[in-house]
Amino acid sequence: MPSDSVRLRITYPPGPPISHEGQAWVFGLQDTKGELHEGVPLADGLHGFDFELRVRASQDPAHPIFVGPFASGRADERFVYLAWRDTATGAWINRLKARLGPITWAMVREAQAKSVPITATMAGRRLGDTRPPDWTVGER
């Protein structure tokens, strides 16, 4: 498969960290340099975090490897973070992993052909929840 890219979107309700001690915070999609990128409000009350990742062939012919400024983790276990950071200290308060493993080449090609993102919601997730989200082709 060629090296190319795909658009993705994660949705999450705006609000304070899942667990914190009342400190001031900022929330967003974390890139691999530790910067947070704000989401945009959606009609359903959630915030959408839109981003793009490059996709490459892997040893598993059904699943790509995701590469780019938001892809964290080992090549075969990539994920992206939604994160809350303490504005005074810069320390992470909470982070949620959105695992990319369930996304297949078929989903990538469908999203590219339709010019839509592959989308998942992280609404309702709790700390330590390591299940991958349900990724679907198209906007939610």
N, C-alpha and C. Protein backbone atom coordinates (compact mmCIF):
# COMPACT_ATOMS: atom_id res chain seq x y z
N MET A 1 0.85 -1.18 0.00
CA MET A 1 0.00 0.00 0.00
C MET A 1 0.90 1.24 0.00
N PRO A 2 0.46 2.28 -0.65
CA PRO A 2 1.26 3.50 -0.70
C PRO A 2 1.25 4.23 0.64
N SER A 3 2.25 5.06 0.82
CA SER A 3 2.27 5.93 1.99
C SER A 3 1.39 7.13 1.68
N ASP A 4 0.30 7.31 2.45
CA ASP A 4 -0.61 8.42 2.22
C ASP A 4 -1.24 8.81 3.54
N SER A 5 -2.32 9.58 3.52
CA SER A 5 -2.87 10.06 4.79
C SER A 5 -4.38 9.89 4.84
N VAL A 6 -4.90 10.02 6.06
CA VAL A 6 -6.33 9.90 6.31
C VAL A 6 -6.71 10.91 7.39
N ARG A 7 -7.92 11.46 7.26
CA ARG A 7 -8.42 12.38 8.28
C ARG A 7 -9.14 11.59 9.36
N LEU A 8 -8.99 12.05 10.61
CA LEU A 8 -9.67 11.43 11.74
C LEU A 8 -10.33 12.50 12.59
N ARG A 9 -11.34 12.09 13.35
CA ARG A 9 -12.02 12.99 14.28
C ARG A 9 -12.33 12.20 15.54
N ILE A 10 -12.01 12.81 16.68
CA ILE A 10 -12.42 12.27 17.98
C ILE A 10 -13.36 13.28 18.60
N THR A 11 -14.46 12.80 19.18
CA THR A 11 -15.38 13.70 19.86
C THR A 11 -15.36 13.40 21.36
N TYR A 12 -15.59 14.47 22.13
CA TYR A 12 -15.57 14.36 23.58
C TYR A 12 -16.33 15.56 24.16
N PRO A 13 -17.08 15.36 25.26
CA PRO A 13 -17.77 16.51 25.85
C PRO A 13 -16.78 17.47 26.53
N PRO A 14 -16.98 18.77 26.37
CA PRO A 14 -16.09 19.71 27.05
C PRO A 14 -16.30 19.65 28.55
N GLY A 15 -15.29 19.95 29.31
CA GLY A 15 -15.44 19.98 30.76
C GLY A 15 -14.15 19.73 31.48
N PRO A 16 -14.23 19.75 32.81
CA PRO A 16 -13.02 19.63 33.63
C PRO A 16 -12.42 18.22 33.56
N PRO A 17 -11.20 18.08 34.06
CA PRO A 17 -10.56 16.77 34.10
C PRO A 17 -11.43 15.75 34.83
N ILE A 18 -11.24 14.50 34.47
CA ILE A 18 -12.01 13.42 35.08
C ILE A 18 -11.77 13.38 36.58
N SER A 19 -10.54 13.54 36.99
CA SER A 19 -10.23 13.65 38.42
C SER A 19 -9.15 14.71 38.57
N HIS A 20 -9.39 15.65 39.45
CA HIS A 20 -8.39 16.71 39.68
C HIS A 20 -8.67 17.35 41.03
N GLU A 21 -7.80 18.26 41.41
CA GLU A 21 -7.87 18.89 42.73
C GLU A 21 -8.27 20.36 42.64
N GLY A 22 -9.00 20.73 41.60
CA GLY A 22 -9.51 22.08 41.48
C GLY A 22 -8.57 23.07 40.81
N GLN A 23 -7.43 22.62 40.34
CA GLN A 23 -6.47 23.53 39.70
C GLN A 23 -6.98 23.97 38.33
N ALA A 24 -6.45 25.09 37.86
CA ALA A 24 -6.78 25.58 36.52
C ALA A 24 -6.20 24.61 35.50
N TRP A 25 -6.92 24.41 34.39
CA TRP A 25 -6.51 23.40 33.42
C TRP A 25 -6.81 23.85 32.01
N VAL A 26 -6.19 23.17 31.07
CA VAL A 26 -6.45 23.32 29.65
C VAL A 26 -6.62 21.91 29.10
N PHE A 27 -7.45 21.76 28.06
CA PHE A 27 -7.78 20.45 27.52
C PHE A 27 -7.63 20.45 26.00
N GLY A 28 -7.20 19.33 25.45
CA GLY A 28 -7.12 19.23 24.00
C GLY A 28 -6.55 17.91 23.53
N LEU A 29 -6.37 17.83 22.22
CA LEU A 29 -5.72 16.69 21.57
C LEU A 29 -4.22 16.92 21.68
N GLN A 30 -3.52 15.97 22.27
CA GLN A 30 -2.08 16.12 22.53
C GLN A 30 -1.27 15.65 21.34
N ASP A 31 -0.33 16.48 20.90
CA ASP A 31 0.60 16.02 19.86
C ASP A 31 1.84 15.41 20.52
N THR A 32 2.72 14.85 19.71
CA THR A 32 3.88 14.14 20.26
C THR A 32 4.92 15.08 20.86
N LYS A 33 4.76 16.38 20.68
CA LYS A 33 5.65 17.35 21.33
C LYS A 33 5.06 17.84 22.65
N GLY A 34 3.87 17.33 23.00
CA GLY A 34 3.25 17.71 24.26
C GLY A 34 2.36 18.94 24.18
N GLU A 35 2.15 19.46 22.97
CA GLU A 35 1.26 20.61 22.79
C GLU A 35 -0.18 20.13 22.74
N LEU A 36 -1.10 20.95 23.22
CA LEU A 36 -2.52 20.62 23.17
C LEU A 36 -3.20 21.44 22.08
N HIS A 37 -4.08 20.79 21.33
CA HIS A 37 -4.81 21.43 20.24
C HIS A 37 -6.29 21.41 20.59
N GLU A 38 -6.91 22.59 20.59
CA GLU A 38 -8.30 22.73 20.99
C GLU A 38 -9.23 22.09 19.98
N GLY A 39 -10.35 21.59 20.48
CA GLY A 39 -11.40 21.09 19.61
C GLY A 39 -12.35 22.20 19.22
N VAL A 40 -13.29 21.87 18.37
CA VAL A 40 -14.31 22.83 17.95
C VAL A 40 -15.68 22.33 18.42
N PRO A 41 -16.54 23.23 18.87
CA PRO A 41 -17.88 22.81 19.31
C PRO A 41 -18.68 22.22 18.14
N LEU A 42 -19.38 21.13 18.43
CA LEU A 42 -20.25 20.49 17.45
C LEU A 42 -21.71 20.69 17.85
N ALA A 43 -22.60 20.47 16.95
CA ALA A 43 -24.03 20.71 17.19
C ALA A 43 -24.59 19.87 18.34
N ASP A 44 -24.01 18.70 18.59
CA ASP A 44 -24.55 17.79 19.62
C ASP A 44 -24.01 18.07 21.02
N GLY A 45 -23.27 19.17 21.20
CA GLY A 45 -22.72 19.52 22.50
C GLY A 45 -21.34 18.96 22.75
N LEU A 46 -20.87 18.07 21.89
CA LEU A 46 -19.51 17.54 22.01
C LEU A 46 -18.54 18.50 21.33
N HIS A 47 -17.27 18.29 21.58
CA HIS A 47 -16.22 19.00 20.84
C HIS A 47 -15.57 18.00 19.90
N GLY A 48 -15.23 18.46 18.70
CA GLY A 48 -14.56 17.62 17.73
C GLY A 48 -13.10 17.99 17.62
N PHE A 49 -12.26 16.97 17.58
CA PHE A 49 -10.82 17.16 17.43
C PHE A 49 -10.44 16.52 16.10
N ASP A 50 -10.21 17.36 15.10
CA ASP A 50 -9.90 16.89 13.75
C ASP A 50 -8.40 16.91 13.54
N PHE A 51 -7.89 15.85 12.94
CA PHE A 51 -6.46 15.76 12.68
C PHE A 51 -6.23 14.79 11.53
N GLU A 52 -5.02 14.78 11.03
CA GLU A 52 -4.66 13.91 9.92
C GLU A 52 -3.41 13.12 10.29
N LEU A 53 -3.39 11.85 9.89
CA LEU A 53 -2.22 11.00 10.09
C LEU A 53 -1.84 10.35 8.77
N ARG A 54 -0.58 10.11 8.58
CA ARG A 54 -0.12 9.34 7.44
C ARG A 54 -0.33 7.86 7.75
N VAL A 55 -0.56 7.06 6.72
CA VAL A 55 -0.74 5.62 6.87
C VAL A 55 0.28 4.91 6.01
N ARG A 56 0.82 3.84 6.58
CA ARG A 56 1.82 3.02 5.88
C ARG A 56 1.48 1.55 6.05
N ALA A 57 2.02 0.75 5.15
CA ALA A 57 1.82 -0.70 5.24
C ALA A 57 2.49 -1.25 6.49
N SER A 58 1.89 -2.30 7.03
CA SER A 58 2.45 -2.98 8.20
C SER A 58 2.55 -4.46 7.88
N GLN A 59 3.03 -5.24 8.83
CA GLN A 59 3.09 -6.69 8.65
C GLN A 59 1.70 -7.30 8.62
N ASP A 60 0.73 -6.63 9.20
CA ASP A 60 -0.66 -7.07 9.18
C ASP A 60 -1.31 -6.45 7.94
N PRO A 61 -1.66 -7.24 6.94
CA PRO A 61 -2.18 -6.66 5.69
C PRO A 61 -3.53 -5.95 5.85
N ALA A 62 -4.23 -6.18 6.94
CA ALA A 62 -5.54 -5.55 7.13
C ALA A 62 -5.47 -4.20 7.83
N HIS A 63 -4.35 -3.92 8.52
CA HIS A 63 -4.26 -2.71 9.34
C HIS A 63 -3.02 -1.88 8.99
N PRO A 64 -3.20 -0.57 8.83
CA PRO A 64 -2.06 0.30 8.56
C PRO A 64 -1.31 0.67 9.84
N ILE A 65 -0.13 1.21 9.64
CA ILE A 65 0.61 1.87 10.72
C ILE A 65 0.33 3.36 10.57
N PHE A 66 0.03 4.02 11.66
CA PHE A 66 -0.27 5.45 11.65
C PHE A 66 0.97 6.23 12.05
N VAL A 67 1.26 7.28 11.31
CA VAL A 67 2.46 8.09 11.52
C VAL A 67 2.06 9.56 11.48
N GLY A 68 2.66 10.34 12.35
CA GLY A 68 2.41 11.77 12.31
C GLY A 68 2.48 12.40 13.68
N PRO A 69 2.22 13.70 13.74
CA PRO A 69 2.43 14.45 14.98
C PRO A 69 1.47 14.12 16.12
N PHE A 70 0.44 13.32 15.87
CA PHE A 70 -0.48 12.95 16.95
C PHE A 70 -0.41 11.46 17.30
N ALA A 71 0.31 10.67 16.53
CA ALA A 71 0.39 9.22 16.74
C ALA A 71 1.45 8.88 17.78
N SER A 72 1.01 8.34 18.91
CA SER A 72 1.90 7.95 19.99
C SER A 72 1.94 6.43 20.11
N GLY A 73 2.95 5.93 20.80
CA GLY A 73 3.05 4.49 21.05
C GLY A 73 3.83 3.75 19.98
N ARG A 74 4.01 2.45 20.24
CA ARG A 74 4.72 1.58 19.29
C ARG A 74 3.94 1.50 17.98
N ALA A 75 4.64 1.21 16.91
CA ALA A 75 4.01 1.16 15.58
C ALA A 75 2.80 0.24 15.54
N ASP A 76 2.86 -0.88 16.24
CA ASP A 76 1.76 -1.84 16.20
C ASP A 76 0.69 -1.58 17.27
N GLU A 77 0.86 -0.53 18.06
CA GLU A 77 -0.11 -0.20 19.12
C GLU A 77 -0.35 1.31 19.19
N ARG A 78 -0.48 1.96 18.06
CA ARG A 78 -0.62 3.41 18.03
C ARG A 78 -1.92 3.87 18.69
N PHE A 79 -1.85 5.08 19.24
CA PHE A 79 -3.00 5.73 19.86
C PHE A 79 -2.79 7.23 19.80
N VAL A 80 -3.85 7.97 20.10
CA VAL A 80 -3.76 9.41 20.27
C VAL A 80 -4.31 9.74 21.65
N TYR A 81 -3.83 10.85 22.21
CA TYR A 81 -4.25 11.27 23.55
C TYR A 81 -5.19 12.46 23.51
N LEU A 82 -6.24 12.41 24.31
CA LEU A 82 -6.96 13.59 24.75
C LEU A 82 -6.42 13.85 26.16
N ALA A 83 -6.06 15.10 26.45
CA ALA A 83 -5.36 15.35 27.70
C ALA A 83 -5.76 16.66 28.36
N TRP A 84 -5.65 16.66 29.69
CA TRP A 84 -5.85 17.86 30.51
C TRP A 84 -4.50 18.19 31.15
N ARG A 85 -4.12 19.46 31.10
CA ARG A 85 -2.85 19.87 31.68
C ARG A 85 -3.09 21.01 32.66
N ASP A 86 -2.38 20.97 33.79
CA ASP A 86 -2.39 22.03 34.80
C ASP A 86 -1.73 23.26 34.18
N THR A 87 -2.45 24.38 34.15
CA THR A 87 -1.91 25.58 33.51
C THR A 87 -0.78 26.22 34.32
N ALA A 88 -0.76 26.02 35.63
CA ALA A 88 0.29 26.62 36.46
C ALA A 88 1.59 25.84 36.39
N THR A 89 1.51 24.51 36.46
CA THR A 89 2.72 23.69 36.53
C THR A 89 3.09 23.03 35.21
N GLY A 90 2.14 22.91 34.30
CA GLY A 90 2.39 22.22 33.04
C GLY A 90 2.30 20.70 33.16
N ALA A 91 2.00 20.20 34.35
CA ALA A 91 1.90 18.75 34.56
C ALA A 91 0.59 18.22 33.98
N TRP A 92 0.64 16.98 33.53
CA TRP A 92 -0.59 16.33 33.05
C TRP A 92 -1.48 16.02 34.24
N ILE A 93 -2.76 16.30 34.10
CA ILE A 93 -3.74 15.97 35.14
C ILE A 93 -4.35 14.61 34.81
N ASN A 94 -4.90 14.49 33.61
CA ASN A 94 -5.48 13.24 33.11
C ASN A 94 -5.20 13.13 31.63
N ARG A 95 -5.15 11.88 31.13
CA ARG A 95 -5.07 11.65 29.69
C ARG A 95 -5.90 10.41 29.36
N LEU A 96 -6.55 10.46 28.21
CA LEU A 96 -7.31 9.32 27.70
C LEU A 96 -6.69 8.88 26.38
N LYS A 97 -6.50 7.57 26.22
CA LYS A 97 -5.96 7.02 24.99
C LYS A 97 -7.09 6.60 24.06
N ALA A 98 -7.00 7.06 22.84
CA ALA A 98 -7.90 6.58 21.79
C ALA A 98 -7.06 5.68 20.89
N ARG A 99 -7.20 4.38 21.07
CA ARG A 99 -6.39 3.41 20.32
C ARG A 99 -6.84 3.35 18.86
N LEU A 100 -5.86 3.29 17.97
CA LEU A 100 -6.13 3.30 16.54
C LEU A 100 -6.19 1.90 15.93
N GLY A 101 -5.89 0.88 16.71
CA GLY A 101 -5.80 -0.50 16.23
C GLY A 101 -6.98 -1.02 15.44
N PRO A 102 -8.22 -0.66 15.79
CA PRO A 102 -9.36 -1.20 15.05
C PRO A 102 -9.52 -0.63 13.63
N ILE A 103 -8.80 0.42 13.29
CA ILE A 103 -8.95 1.03 11.97
C ILE A 103 -8.25 0.17 10.93
N THR A 104 -9.01 -0.22 9.91
CA THR A 104 -8.48 -1.10 8.85
C THR A 104 -8.16 -0.31 7.59
N TRP A 105 -7.43 -0.97 6.68
CA TRP A 105 -7.18 -0.35 5.38
C TRP A 105 -8.49 -0.09 4.65
N ALA A 106 -9.45 -1.00 4.77
CA ALA A 106 -10.74 -0.80 4.11
C ALA A 106 -11.40 0.49 4.60
N MET A 107 -11.33 0.76 5.89
CA MET A 107 -11.90 2.00 6.44
C MET A 107 -11.14 3.22 5.91
N VAL A 108 -9.82 3.12 5.86
CA VAL A 108 -9.00 4.22 5.35
C VAL A 108 -9.39 4.53 3.91
N ARG A 109 -9.47 3.52 3.07
CA ARG A 109 -9.78 3.74 1.65
C ARG A 109 -11.20 4.27 1.47
N GLU A 110 -12.14 3.78 2.28
CA GLU A 110 -13.52 4.28 2.19
C GLU A 110 -13.57 5.76 2.58
N ALA A 111 -12.89 6.12 3.68
CA ALA A 111 -12.88 7.52 4.14
C ALA A 111 -12.24 8.42 3.08
N GLN A 112 -11.16 7.96 2.48
CA GLN A 112 -10.50 8.75 1.44
C GLN A 112 -11.43 8.92 0.23
N ALA A 113 -12.08 7.85 -0.20
CA ALA A 113 -12.96 7.91 -1.37
C ALA A 113 -14.15 8.84 -1.14
N LYS A 114 -14.66 8.86 0.08
CA LYS A 114 -15.82 9.69 0.41
C LYS A 114 -15.43 11.09 0.90
N SER A 115 -14.13 11.33 1.09
CA SER A 115 -13.63 12.60 1.64
C SER A 115 -14.26 12.93 2.99
N VAL A 116 -14.30 11.92 3.86
CA VAL A 116 -14.82 12.09 5.22
C VAL A 116 -13.79 11.54 6.21
N PRO A 117 -13.87 11.96 7.46
CA PRO A 117 -12.94 11.42 8.46
C PRO A 117 -13.40 10.07 8.98
N ILE A 118 -12.49 9.37 9.59
CA ILE A 118 -12.81 8.20 10.41
C ILE A 118 -13.01 8.75 11.81
N THR A 119 -14.14 8.44 12.43
CA THR A 119 -14.57 9.12 13.64
C THR A 119 -14.81 8.16 14.79
N ALA A 120 -14.51 8.63 16.00
CA ALA A 120 -14.82 7.89 17.22
C ALA A 120 -15.17 8.88 18.31
N THR A 121 -16.00 8.46 19.26
CA THR A 121 -16.27 9.28 20.42
C THR A 121 -15.60 8.66 21.64
N MET A 122 -15.12 9.53 22.50
CA MET A 122 -14.54 9.08 23.77
C MET A 122 -15.46 9.48 24.92
N ALA A 123 -16.67 9.95 24.62
CA ALA A 123 -17.63 10.35 25.65
C ALA A 123 -17.91 9.16 26.56
N GLY A 124 -17.94 9.42 27.86
CA GLY A 124 -18.23 8.38 28.84
C GLY A 124 -17.03 7.56 29.27
N ARG A 125 -15.87 7.80 28.70
CA ARG A 125 -14.67 7.04 29.08
C ARG A 125 -14.18 7.46 30.45
N ARG A 126 -13.66 6.49 31.18
CA ARG A 126 -13.09 6.74 32.51
C ARG A 126 -11.58 6.50 32.46
N LEU A 127 -10.88 7.03 33.43
CA LEU A 127 -9.44 6.82 33.51
C LEU A 127 -9.15 5.33 33.58
N GLY A 128 -8.13 4.91 32.89
CA GLY A 128 -7.73 3.51 32.90
C GLY A 128 -8.51 2.64 31.92
N ASP A 129 -9.48 3.21 31.24
CA ASP A 129 -10.25 2.46 30.25
C ASP A 129 -9.38 2.30 29.01
N THR A 130 -8.90 1.09 28.76
CA THR A 130 -7.97 0.86 27.66
C THR A 130 -8.64 0.28 26.42
N ARG A 131 -9.96 0.13 26.46
CA ARG A 131 -10.66 -0.38 25.27
C ARG A 131 -10.52 0.60 24.12
N PRO A 132 -10.32 0.10 22.91
CA PRO A 132 -10.31 1.03 21.78
C PRO A 132 -11.72 1.56 21.54
N PRO A 133 -11.84 2.79 21.06
CA PRO A 133 -13.18 3.29 20.75
C PRO A 133 -13.72 2.59 19.49
N ASP A 134 -15.00 2.78 19.24
CA ASP A 134 -15.62 2.26 18.03
C ASP A 134 -15.42 3.29 16.91
N TRP A 135 -14.48 3.02 16.04
CA TRP A 135 -14.21 3.91 14.92
C TRP A 135 -15.18 3.61 13.79
N THR A 136 -15.71 4.66 13.15
CA THR A 136 -16.60 4.51 12.00
C THR A 136 -16.20 5.49 10.92
N VAL A 137 -16.52 5.15 9.69
CA VAL A 137 -16.23 6.05 8.57
C VAL A 137 -17.35 7.06 8.46
N GLY A 138 -17.01 8.33 8.48
CA GLY A 138 -17.99 9.40 8.36
C GLY A 138 -18.09 10.21 9.63
N GLU A 139 -18.77 11.32 9.55
CA GLU A 139 -18.89 12.22 10.69
C GLU A 139 -20.01 11.75 11.60
N ARG A 140 -19.83 11.96 12.88
CA ARG A 140 -20.88 11.61 13.86
C ARG A 140 -21.58 12.85 14.29
